[in-house]
PDB file of N, CA and C in Angstrom:
ATOM      1  N   MET A   1     -14.910 -13.048   0.293  1.00  0.00           N
ATOM      2  CA  MET A   1     -14.647 -12.151  -0.778  1.00  0.00           C
ATOM      3  C   MET A   1     -13.106 -11.917  -0.964  1.00  0.00           C
ATOM      4  N   LYS A   2     -12.582 -11.909  -2.174  1.00  0.00           N
ATOM      5  CA  LYS A   2     -11.174 -11.591  -2.424  1.00  0.00           C
ATOM      6  C   LYS A   2     -11.086 -10.364  -3.210  1.00  0.00           C
ATOM      7  N   VAL A   3     -10.210  -9.335  -2.673  1.00  0.00           N
ATOM      8  CA  VAL A   3     -10.099  -8.082  -3.333  1.00  0.00           C
ATOM      9  C   VAL A   3      -8.661  -7.813  -3.623  1.00  0.00           C
ATOM     10  N   ILE A   4      -8.327  -7.252  -4.751  1.00  0.00           N
ATOM     11  CA  ILE A   4      -7.001  -6.776  -5.095  1.00  0.00           C
ATOM     12  C   ILE A   4      -7.036  -5.291  -5.292  1.00  0.00           C
ATOM     13  N   ILE A   5      -6.215  -4.578  -4.497  1.00  0.00           N
ATOM     14  CA  ILE A   5      -6.116  -3.111  -4.654  1.00  0.00           C
ATOM     15  C   ILE A   5      -4.879  -2.786  -5.280  1.00  0.00           C
ATOM     16  N   VAL A   6      -4.955  -2.076  -6.426  1.00  0.00           N
ATOM     17  CA  VAL A   6      -3.763  -1.788  -7.139  1.00  0.00           C
ATOM     18  C   VAL A   6      -3.395  -0.365  -6.836  1.00  0.00           C
ATOM     19  N   GLY A   7      -2.284  -0.184  -6.114  1.00  0.00           N
ATOM     20  CA  GLY A   7      -1.846   1.139  -5.682  1.00  0.00           C
ATOM     21  C   GLY A   7      -2.117   1.371  -4.159  1.00  0.00           C
ATOM     22  N   GLY A   8      -1.213   1.969  -3.528  1.00  0.00           N
ATOM     23  CA  GLY A   8      -1.307   2.163  -2.074  1.00  0.00           C
ATOM     24  C   GLY A   8      -1.421   3.681  -1.790  1.00  0.00           C
ATOM     25  N   VAL A   9      -0.460   4.219  -1.055  1.00  0.00           N
ATOM     26  CA  VAL A   9      -0.477   5.581  -0.629  1.00  0.00           C
ATOM     27  C   VAL A   9      -1.795   6.084  -0.133  1.00  0.00           C
ATOM     28  N   ALA A  10      -2.413   7.136  -0.692  1.00  0.00           N
ATOM     29  CA  ALA A  10      -3.641   7.726  -0.087  1.00  0.00           C
ATOM     30  C   ALA A  10      -4.876   6.821  -0.430  1.00  0.00           C
ATOM     31  N   GLY A  11      -5.129   6.646  -1.708  1.00  0.00           N
ATOM     32  CA  GLY A  11      -6.379   5.994  -2.065  1.00  0.00           C
ATOM     33  C   GLY A  11      -6.468   4.583  -1.792  1.00  0.00           C
ATOM     34  N   GLY A  12      -5.425   3.796  -2.186  1.00  0.00           N
ATOM     35  CA  GLY A  12      -5.373   2.373  -1.971  1.00  0.00           C
ATOM     36  C   GLY A  12      -5.317   2.003  -0.492  1.00  0.00           C
ATOM     37  N   ALA A  13      -4.519   2.774   0.263  1.00  0.00           N
ATOM     38  CA  ALA A  13      -4.416   2.396   1.706  1.00  0.00           C
ATOM     39  C   ALA A  13      -5.756   2.683   2.463  1.00  0.00           C
ATOM     40  N   SER A  14      -6.321   3.831   2.089  1.00  0.00           N
ATOM     41  CA  SER A  14      -7.676   4.182   2.700  1.00  0.00           C
ATOM     42  C   SER A  14      -8.729   3.085   2.318  1.00  0.00           C
ATOM     43  N   CYS A  15      -8.669   2.693   1.043  1.00  0.00           N
ATOM     44  CA  CYS A  15      -9.625   1.642   0.598  1.00  0.00           C
ATOM     45  C   CYS A  15      -9.390   0.437   1.363  1.00  0.00           C
ATOM     46  N   ALA A  16      -8.176   0.020   1.501  1.00  0.00           N
ATOM     47  CA  ALA A  16      -7.864  -1.256   2.241  1.00  0.00           C
ATOM     48  C   ALA A  16      -8.361  -1.235   3.659  1.00  0.00           C
ATOM     49  N   ALA A  17      -8.057  -0.204   4.370  1.00  0.00           N
ATOM     50  CA  ALA A  17      -8.602  -0.040   5.752  1.00  0.00           C
ATOM     51  C   ALA A  17     -10.028  -0.011   5.841  1.00  0.00           C
ATOM     52  N   ARG A  18     -10.647   0.736   5.007  1.00  0.00           N
ATOM     53  CA  ARG A  18     -12.134   0.828   5.016  1.00  0.00           C
ATOM     54  C   ARG A  18     -12.809  -0.541   4.666  1.00  0.00           C
ATOM     55  N   LEU A  19     -12.254  -1.184   3.732  1.00  0.00           N
ATOM     56  CA  LEU A  19     -12.733  -2.563   3.377  1.00  0.00           C
ATOM     57  C   LEU A  19     -12.634  -3.518   4.468  1.00  0.00           C
ATOM     58  N   ARG A  20     -11.524  -3.414   5.215  1.00  0.00           N
ATOM     59  CA  ARG A  20     -11.334  -4.257   6.405  1.00  0.00           C
ATOM     60  C   ARG A  20     -12.425  -3.997   7.419  1.00  0.00           C
ATOM     61  N   ARG A  21     -12.775  -2.800   7.740  1.00  0.00           N
ATOM     62  CA  ARG A  21     -13.763  -2.369   8.679  1.00  0.00           C
ATOM     63  C   ARG A  21     -15.156  -2.910   8.221  1.00  0.00           C
ATOM     64  N   LEU A  22     -15.428  -2.933   6.923  1.00  0.00           N
ATOM     65  CA  LEU A  22     -16.647  -3.416   6.434  1.00  0.00           C
ATOM     66  C   LEU A  22     -16.865  -4.898   6.409  1.00  0.00           C
ATOM     67  N   ASP A  23     -15.719  -5.607   6.161  1.00  0.00           N
ATOM     68  CA  ASP A  23     -15.667  -7.055   6.054  1.00  0.00           C
ATOM     69  C   ASP A  23     -14.451  -7.672   6.647  1.00  0.00           C
ATOM     70  N   GLU A  24     -14.662  -8.240   7.830  1.00  0.00           N
ATOM     71  CA  GLU A  24     -13.546  -8.755   8.673  1.00  0.00           C
ATOM     72  C   GLU A  24     -12.904 -10.006   8.000  1.00  0.00           C
ATOM     73  N   LYS A  25     -13.730 -10.680   7.120  1.00  0.00           N
ATOM     74  CA  LYS A  25     -13.250 -11.961   6.640  1.00  0.00           C
ATOM     75  C   LYS A  25     -12.689 -11.792   5.130  1.00  0.00           C
ATOM     76  N   ALA A  26     -12.783 -10.606   4.612  1.00  0.00           N
ATOM     77  CA  ALA A  26     -12.314 -10.496   3.151  1.00  0.00           C
ATOM     78  C   ALA A  26     -10.799 -10.687   3.069  1.00  0.00           C
ATOM     79  N   GLU A  27     -10.361 -11.331   2.016  1.00  0.00           N
ATOM     80  CA  GLU A  27      -8.958 -11.499   1.664  1.00  0.00           C
ATOM     81  C   GLU A  27      -8.540 -10.320   0.818  1.00  0.00           C
ATOM     82  N   ILE A  28      -7.690  -9.436   1.445  1.00  0.00           N
ATOM     83  CA  ILE A  28      -7.298  -8.239   0.726  1.00  0.00           C
ATOM     84  C   ILE A  28      -5.801  -8.231   0.401  1.00  0.00           C
ATOM     85  N   LEU A  29      -5.552  -7.975  -0.917  1.00  0.00           N
ATOM     86  CA  LEU A  29      -4.154  -7.837  -1.341  1.00  0.00           C
ATOM     87  C   LEU A  29      -4.039  -6.383  -1.879  1.00  0.00           C
ATOM     88  N   MET A  30      -3.068  -5.690  -1.347  1.00  0.00           N
ATOM     89  CA  MET A  30      -2.759  -4.373  -1.852  1.00  0.00           C
ATOM     90  C   MET A  30      -1.347  -4.329  -2.456  1.00  0.00           C
ATOM     91  N   VAL A  31      -1.259  -3.974  -3.686  1.00  0.00           N
ATOM     92  CA  VAL A  31       0.040  -3.923  -4.441  1.00  0.00           C
ATOM     93  C   VAL A  31       0.431  -2.567  -4.794  1.00  0.00           C
ATOM     94  N   GLU A  32       1.600  -2.133  -4.279  1.00  0.00           N
ATOM     95  CA  GLU A  32       2.095  -0.772  -4.522  1.00  0.00           C
ATOM     96  C   GLU A  32       3.501  -0.795  -5.277  1.00  0.00           C
ATOM     97  N   ARG A  33       3.511  -0.089  -6.302  1.00  0.00           N
ATOM     98  CA  ARG A  33       4.662  -0.074  -7.224  1.00  0.00           C
ATOM     99  C   ARG A  33       5.887   0.727  -6.560  1.00  0.00           C
ATOM    100  N   GLY A  34       5.586   1.652  -5.716  1.00  0.00           N
ATOM    101  CA  GLY A  34       6.650   2.478  -5.071  1.00  0.00           C
ATOM    102  C   GLY A  34       7.171   1.796  -3.816  1.00  0.00           C
ATOM    103  N   PRO A  35       8.091   2.553  -3.155  1.00  0.00           N
ATOM    104  CA  PRO A  35       8.744   2.082  -1.975  1.00  0.00           C
ATOM    105  C   PRO A  35       7.948   2.288  -0.736  1.00  0.00           C
ATOM    106  N   TYR A  36       6.890   3.072  -0.705  1.00  0.00           N
ATOM    107  CA  TYR A  36       6.109   3.386   0.439  1.00  0.00           C
ATOM    108  C   TYR A  36       4.590   2.999   0.298  1.00  0.00           C
ATOM    109  N   VAL A  37       4.038   2.295   1.289  1.00  0.00           N
ATOM    110  CA  VAL A  37       2.660   1.827   1.266  1.00  0.00           C
ATOM    111  C   VAL A  37       1.649   3.048   1.529  1.00  0.00           C
ATOM    112  N   SER A  38       2.057   3.844   2.489  1.00  0.00           N
ATOM    113  CA  SER A  38       1.252   5.006   2.892  1.00  0.00           C
ATOM    114  C   SER A  38       2.047   6.130   3.377  1.00  0.00           C
ATOM    115  N   TYR A  39       1.852   7.277   2.882  1.00  0.00           N
ATOM    116  CA  TYR A  39       2.498   8.501   3.429  1.00  0.00           C
ATOM    117  C   TYR A  39       1.469   9.632   3.307  1.00  0.00           C
ATOM    118  N   ALA A  40       1.869  10.730   4.025  1.00  0.00           N
ATOM    119  CA  ALA A  40       0.980  11.930   4.044  1.00  0.00           C
ATOM    120  C   ALA A  40       1.251  12.813   2.864  1.00  0.00           C
ATOM    121  N   ASN A  41       0.408  12.602   1.708  1.00  0.00           N
ATOM    122  CA  ASN A  41       0.650  13.439   0.633  1.00  0.00           C
ATOM    123  C   ASN A  41       0.496  14.973   0.883  1.00  0.00           C
ATOM    124  N   CYS A  42      -0.423  15.271   1.824  1.00  0.00           N
ATOM    125  CA  CYS A  42      -0.624  16.633   2.125  1.00  0.00           C
ATOM    126  C   CYS A  42       0.588  17.383   2.752  1.00  0.00           C
ATOM    127  N   GLY A  43       1.500  16.578   3.203  1.00  0.00           N
ATOM    128  CA  GLY A  43       2.762  17.184   3.848  1.00  0.00           C
ATOM    129  C   GLY A  43       3.862  17.334   2.824  1.00  0.00           C
ATOM    130  N   LEU A  44       3.748  16.880   1.664  1.00  0.00           N
ATOM    131  CA  LEU A  44       4.901  17.046   0.700  1.00  0.00           C
ATOM    132  C   LEU A  44       5.278  18.451   0.361  1.00  0.00           C
ATOM    133  N   PRO A  45       4.294  19.426   0.257  1.00  0.00           N
ATOM    134  CA  PRO A  45       4.886  20.766   0.082  1.00  0.00           C
ATOM    135  C   PRO A  45       5.565  21.342   1.334  1.00  0.00           C
ATOM    136  N   TYR A  46       5.344  20.847   2.432  1.00  0.00           N
ATOM    137  CA  TYR A  46       6.050  21.372   3.695  1.00  0.00           C
ATOM    138  C   TYR A  46       7.442  20.760   3.582  1.00  0.00           C
ATOM    139  N   HIS A  47       7.610  19.471   3.123  1.00  0.00           N
ATOM    140  CA  HIS A  47       8.892  18.819   3.046  1.00  0.00           C
ATOM    141  C   HIS A  47       9.776  19.508   1.910  1.00  0.00           C
ATOM    142  N   VAL A  48       9.065  19.763   0.805  1.00  0.00           N
ATOM    143  CA  VAL A  48       9.824  20.496  -0.234  1.00  0.00           C
ATOM    144  C   VAL A  48      10.202  21.850   0.193  1.00  0.00           C
ATOM    145  N   GLY A  49       9.385  22.585   0.955  1.00  0.00           N
ATOM    146  CA  GLY A  49       9.618  23.855   1.354  1.00  0.00           C
ATOM    147  C   GLY A  49      10.586  24.023   2.630  1.00  0.00           C
ATOM    148  N   GLY A  50      10.902  22.817   3.210  1.00  0.00           N
ATOM    149  CA  GLY A  50      11.860  22.779   4.266  1.00  0.00           C
ATOM    150  C   GLY A  50      11.249  22.842   5.693  1.00  0.00           C
ATOM    151  N   SER A  51       9.939  23.082   5.697  1.00  0.00           N
ATOM    152  CA  SER A  51       9.262  23.013   7.081  1.00  0.00           C
ATOM    153  C   SER A  51       9.368  21.655   7.746  1.00  0.00           C
ATOM    154  N   ILE A  52       9.286  20.592   6.914  1.00  0.00           N
ATOM    155  CA  ILE A  52       9.387  19.264   7.426  1.00  0.00           C
ATOM    156  C   ILE A  52      10.796  18.690   6.854  1.00  0.00           C
ATOM    157  N   GLU A  53      11.678  18.553   7.729  1.00  0.00           N
ATOM    158  CA  GLU A  53      12.998  18.242   7.172  1.00  0.00           C
ATOM    159  C   GLU A  53      13.252  16.718   6.793  1.00  0.00           C
ATOM    160  N   LYS A  54      12.679  15.871   7.625  1.00  0.00           N
ATOM    161  CA  LYS A  54      12.846  14.458   7.325  1.00  0.00           C
ATOM    162  C   LYS A  54      11.703  13.946   6.502  1.00  0.00           C
ATOM    163  N   GLU A  55      12.040  13.351   5.385  1.00  0.00           N
ATOM    164  CA  GLU A  55      11.014  12.729   4.586  1.00  0.00           C
ATOM    165  C   GLU A  55      10.304  11.578   5.385  1.00  0.00           C
ATOM    166  N   SER A  56      11.006  10.908   6.217  1.00  0.00           N
ATOM    167  CA  SER A  56      10.444   9.776   6.944  1.00  0.00           C
ATOM    168  C   SER A  56       9.339  10.228   7.810  1.00  0.00           C
ATOM    169  N   SER A  57       9.250  11.578   8.132  1.00  0.00           N
ATOM    170  CA  SER A  57       8.140  12.167   8.988  1.00  0.00           C
ATOM    171  C   SER A  57       6.783  12.061   8.274  1.00  0.00           C
ATOM    172  N   LEU A  58       6.853  11.836   7.021  1.00  0.00           N
ATOM    173  CA  LEU A  58       5.590  11.844   6.186  1.00  0.00           C
ATOM    174  C   LEU A  58       5.027  10.386   6.135  1.00  0.00           C
ATOM    175  N   LEU A  59       5.848   9.418   6.533  1.00  0.00           N
ATOM    176  CA  LEU A  59       5.316   8.019   6.413  1.00  0.00           C
ATOM    177  C   LEU A  59       4.266   7.713   7.499  1.00  0.00           C
ATOM    178  N   VAL A  60       3.110   7.185   7.053  1.00  0.00           N
ATOM    179  CA  VAL A  60       2.016   6.970   7.933  1.00  0.00           C
ATOM    180  C   VAL A  60       2.007   5.568   8.384  1.00  0.00           C
ATOM    181  N   ALA A  61       2.045   4.627   7.535  1.00  0.00           N
ATOM    182  CA  ALA A  61       2.059   3.149   7.843  1.00  0.00           C
ATOM    183  C   ALA A  61       2.990   2.359   6.954  1.00  0.00           C
ATOM    184  N   THR A  62       3.363   1.175   7.528  1.00  0.00           N
ATOM    185  CA  THR A  62       4.323   0.342   6.737  1.00  0.00           C
ATOM    186  C   THR A  62       3.589  -0.957   6.384  1.00  0.00           C
ATOM    187  N   GLU A  63       4.274  -1.873   5.621  1.00  0.00           N
ATOM    188  CA  GLU A  63       3.619  -3.179   5.280  1.00  0.00           C
ATOM    189  C   GLU A  63       3.180  -3.909   6.579  1.00  0.00           C
ATOM    190  N   GLN A  64       4.073  -3.760   7.546  1.00  0.00           N
ATOM    191  CA  GLN A  64       3.854  -4.474   8.783  1.00  0.00           C
ATOM    192  C   GLN A  64       2.594  -3.975   9.495  1.00  0.00           C
ATOM    193  N   THR A  65       2.343  -2.648   9.401  1.00  0.00           N
ATOM    194  CA  THR A  65       1.184  -2.073   9.972  1.00  0.00           C
ATOM    195  C   THR A  65      -0.101  -2.586   9.394  1.00  0.00           C
ATOM    196  N   PHE A  66      -0.089  -2.690   8.082  1.00  0.00           N
ATOM    197  CA  PHE A  66      -1.200  -3.172   7.320  1.00  0.00           C
ATOM    198  C   PHE A  66      -1.496  -4.629   7.542  1.00  0.00           C
ATOM    199  N   ARG A  67      -0.369  -5.412   7.699  1.00  0.00           N
ATOM    200  CA  ARG A  67      -0.505  -6.895   7.978  1.00  0.00           C
ATOM    201  C   ARG A  67      -1.066  -7.046   9.371  1.00  0.00           C
ATOM    202  N   GLY A  68      -0.387  -6.315  10.322  1.00  0.00           N
ATOM    203  CA  GLY A  68      -0.802  -6.663  11.726  1.00  0.00           C
ATOM    204  C   GLY A  68      -2.060  -5.931  12.214  1.00  0.00           C
ATOM    205  N   GLN A  69      -2.279  -4.639  11.809  1.00  0.00           N
ATOM    206  CA  GLN A  69      -3.522  -4.044  12.246  1.00  0.00           C
ATOM    207  C   GLN A  69      -4.768  -4.273  11.413  1.00  0.00           C
ATOM    208  N   PHE A  70      -4.592  -4.515  10.083  1.00  0.00           N
ATOM    209  CA  PHE A  70      -5.752  -4.640   9.118  1.00  0.00           C
ATOM    210  C   PHE A  70      -5.746  -6.034   8.494  1.00  0.00           C
ATOM    211  N   ALA A  71      -4.796  -6.879   8.755  1.00  0.00           N
ATOM    212  CA  ALA A  71      -4.774  -8.164   8.143  1.00  0.00           C
ATOM    213  C   ALA A  71      -4.866  -8.091   6.602  1.00  0.00           C
ATOM    214  N   VAL A  72      -4.036  -7.109   6.025  1.00  0.00           N
ATOM    215  CA  VAL A  72      -3.981  -6.955   4.654  1.00  0.00           C
ATOM    216  C   VAL A  72      -2.635  -7.389   4.035  1.00  0.00           C
ATOM    217  N   ASP A  73      -2.667  -8.255   3.037  1.00  0.00           N
ATOM    218  CA  ASP A  73      -1.467  -8.718   2.405  1.00  0.00           C
ATOM    219  C   ASP A  73      -0.957  -7.564   1.576  1.00  0.00           C
ATOM    220  N   CYS A  74       0.076  -6.963   1.986  1.00  0.00           N
ATOM    221  CA  CYS A  74       0.546  -5.689   1.375  1.00  0.00           C
ATOM    222  C   CYS A  74       1.919  -5.933   0.668  1.00  0.00           C
ATOM    223  N   ARG A  75       2.130  -5.591  -0.464  1.00  0.00           N
ATOM    224  CA  ARG A  75       3.338  -5.747  -1.176  1.00  0.00           C
ATOM    225  C   ARG A  75       3.795  -4.447  -1.842  1.00  0.00           C
ATOM    226  N   ARG A  76       4.982  -3.962  -1.464  1.00  0.00           N
ATOM    227  CA  ARG A  76       5.534  -2.749  -2.010  1.00  0.00           C
ATOM    228  C   ARG A  76       6.615  -3.180  -3.070  1.00  0.00           C
ATOM    229  N   ALA A  77       6.945  -2.196  -3.808  1.00  0.00           N
ATOM    230  CA  ALA A  77       7.965  -2.504  -4.899  1.00  0.00           C
ATOM    231  C   ALA A  77       7.590  -3.630  -5.804  1.00  0.00           C
ATOM    232  N   ALA A  78       6.244  -3.666  -6.041  1.00  0.00           N
ATOM    233  CA  ALA A  78       5.717  -4.700  -6.848  1.00  0.00           C
ATOM    234  C   ALA A  78       4.695  -4.142  -7.916  1.00  0.00           C
ATOM    235  N   ARG A  79       4.612  -4.849  -9.035  1.00  0.00           N
ATOM    236  CA  ARG A  79       3.712  -4.390 -10.054  1.00  0.00           C
ATOM    237  C   ARG A  79       2.609  -5.487 -10.230  1.00  0.00           C
ATOM    238  N   TRP A  80       1.353  -4.965 -10.397  1.00  0.00           N
ATOM    239  CA  TRP A  80       0.275  -5.935 -10.797  1.00  0.00           C
ATOM    240  C   TRP A  80       0.361  -6.235 -12.234  1.00  0.00           C
ATOM    241  N   SER A  81       0.395  -7.401 -12.717  1.00  0.00           N
ATOM    242  CA  SER A  81       0.611  -7.716 -14.039  1.00  0.00           C
ATOM    243  C   SER A  81      -0.660  -8.241 -14.662  1.00  0.00           C
ATOM    244  N   ALA A  82      -1.472  -9.118 -14.048  1.00  0.00           N
ATOM    245  CA  ALA A  82      -2.643  -9.693 -14.717  1.00  0.00           C
ATOM    246  C   ALA A  82      -3.664 -10.153 -13.725  1.00  0.00           C
ATOM    247  N   SER A  83      -4.781 -10.225 -14.251  1.00  0.00           N
ATOM    248  CA  SER A  83      -5.927 -10.803 -13.428  1.00  0.00           C
ATOM    249  C   SER A  83      -6.324 -12.093 -14.135  1.00  0.00           C
ATOM    250  N   ARG A  84      -6.228 -13.146 -13.554  1.00  0.00           N
ATOM    251  CA  ARG A  84      -6.648 -14.415 -14.203  1.00  0.00           C
ATOM    252  C   ARG A  84      -7.734 -15.132 -13.366  1.00  0.00           C
ATOM    253  N   PRO A  85      -8.925 -14.963 -13.748  1.00  0.00           N
ATOM    254  CA  PRO A  85     -10.036 -15.650 -12.946  1.00  0.00           C
ATOM    255  C   PRO A  85      -9.780 -17.160 -12.802  1.00  0.00           C
ATOM    256  N   GLY A  86     -10.018 -17.516 -11.579  1.00  0.00           N
ATOM    257  CA  GLY A  86      -9.798 -18.984 -11.214  1.00  0.00           C
ATOM    258  C   GLY A  86      -8.345 -19.395 -10.857  1.00  0.00           C
ATOM    259  N   ARG A  87      -7.478 -18.400 -10.998  1.00  0.00           N
ATOM    260  CA  ARG A  87      -6.046 -18.717 -10.661  1.00  0.00           C
ATOM    261  C   ARG A  87      -5.609 -17.713  -9.649  1.00  0.00           C
ATOM    262  N   LYS A  88      -4.455 -17.994  -9.012  1.00  0.00           N
ATOM    263  CA  LYS A  88      -3.942 -16.990  -8.051  1.00  0.00           C
ATOM    264  C   LYS A  88      -3.448 -15.753  -8.828  1.00  0.00           C
ATOM    265  N   PRO A  89      -3.476 -14.569  -8.106  1.00  0.00           N
ATOM    266  CA  PRO A  89      -2.986 -13.361  -8.818  1.00  0.00           C
ATOM    267  C   PRO A  89      -1.478 -13.448  -8.845  1.00  0.00           C
ATOM    268  N   TRP A  90      -0.939 -12.739  -9.915  1.00  0.00           N
ATOM    269  CA  TRP A  90       0.428 -12.725 -10.134  1.00  0.00           C
ATOM    270  C   TRP A  90       1.043 -11.424 -10.055  1.00  0.00           C
ATOM    271  N   THR A  91       2.154 -11.231  -9.306  1.00  0.00           N
ATOM    272  CA  THR A  91       2.874 -10.012  -9.200  1.00  0.00           C
ATOM    273  C   THR A  91       4.332 -10.266  -9.454  1.00  0.00           C
ATOM    274  N   SER A  92       5.025  -9.241  -9.832  1.00  0.00           N
ATOM    275  CA  SER A  92       6.462  -9.421  -9.965  1.00  0.00           C
ATOM    276  C   SER A  92       7.184  -8.281  -9.289  1.00  0.00           C
ATOM    277  N   ARG A  93       8.192  -8.533  -8.590  1.00  0.00           N
ATOM    278  CA  ARG A  93       8.971  -7.550  -7.944  1.00  0.00           C
ATOM    279  C   ARG A  93       9.838  -6.741  -8.921  1.00  0.00           C
ATOM    280  N   THR A  94       9.970  -5.482  -8.648  1.00  0.00           N
ATOM    281  CA  THR A  94      10.834  -4.599  -9.423  1.00  0.00           C
ATOM    282  C   THR A  94      12.246  -4.889  -9.192  1.00  0.00           C
ATOM    283  N   THR A  95      13.163  -4.559  -9.977  1.00  0.00           N
ATOM    284  CA  THR A  95      14.555  -4.879  -9.687  1.00  0.00           C
ATOM    285  C   THR A  95      15.329  -3.897  -8.694  1.00  0.00           C
ATOM    286  N   ARG A  96      14.697  -2.705  -8.573  1.00  0.00           N
ATOM    287  CA  ARG A  96      15.273  -1.796  -7.509  1.00  0.00           C
ATOM    288  C   ARG A  96      14.732  -2.092  -6.212  1.00  0.00           C
ATOM    289  N   PRO A  97      15.554  -2.071  -5.250  1.00  0.00           N
ATOM    290  CA  PRO A  97      15.070  -2.398  -3.881  1.00  0.00           C
ATOM    291  C   PRO A  97      14.247  -1.275  -3.276  1.00  0.00           C
ATOM    292  N   ALA A  98      13.273  -1.653  -2.437  1.00  0.00           N
ATOM    293  CA  ALA A  98      12.401  -0.653  -1.834  1.00  0.00           C
ATOM    294  C   ALA A  98      13.092  -0.076  -0.654  1.00  0.00           C
ATOM    295  N   ARG A  99      12.861   1.199  -0.379  1.00  0.00           N
ATOM    296  CA  ARG A  99      13.466   1.846   0.766  1.00  0.00           C
ATOM    297  C   ARG A  99      12.747   1.579   2.006  1.00  0.00           C
TER     298      ARG A  99
END
């Protein structure tokens, strides 16, 4: 089975991890437009309020984590452009570098 997950962070990252647990052989591609693959959304109010000083404290997993732990092809700072049955998926990098 081949699966493309558009969007990471909370929903996409959880979906990719769950799918891997359900099917060890699935080919999973997760495409995230932003600079972070997964971070703790629930901690954002604490960061804005000053309780959590470093934004990096909210980061949960990186591209390397998803590749190594879940065998998920993960691409950040990328946009999903088209789905073409019978052909490889196509993504394009944004021009601004990911943090």
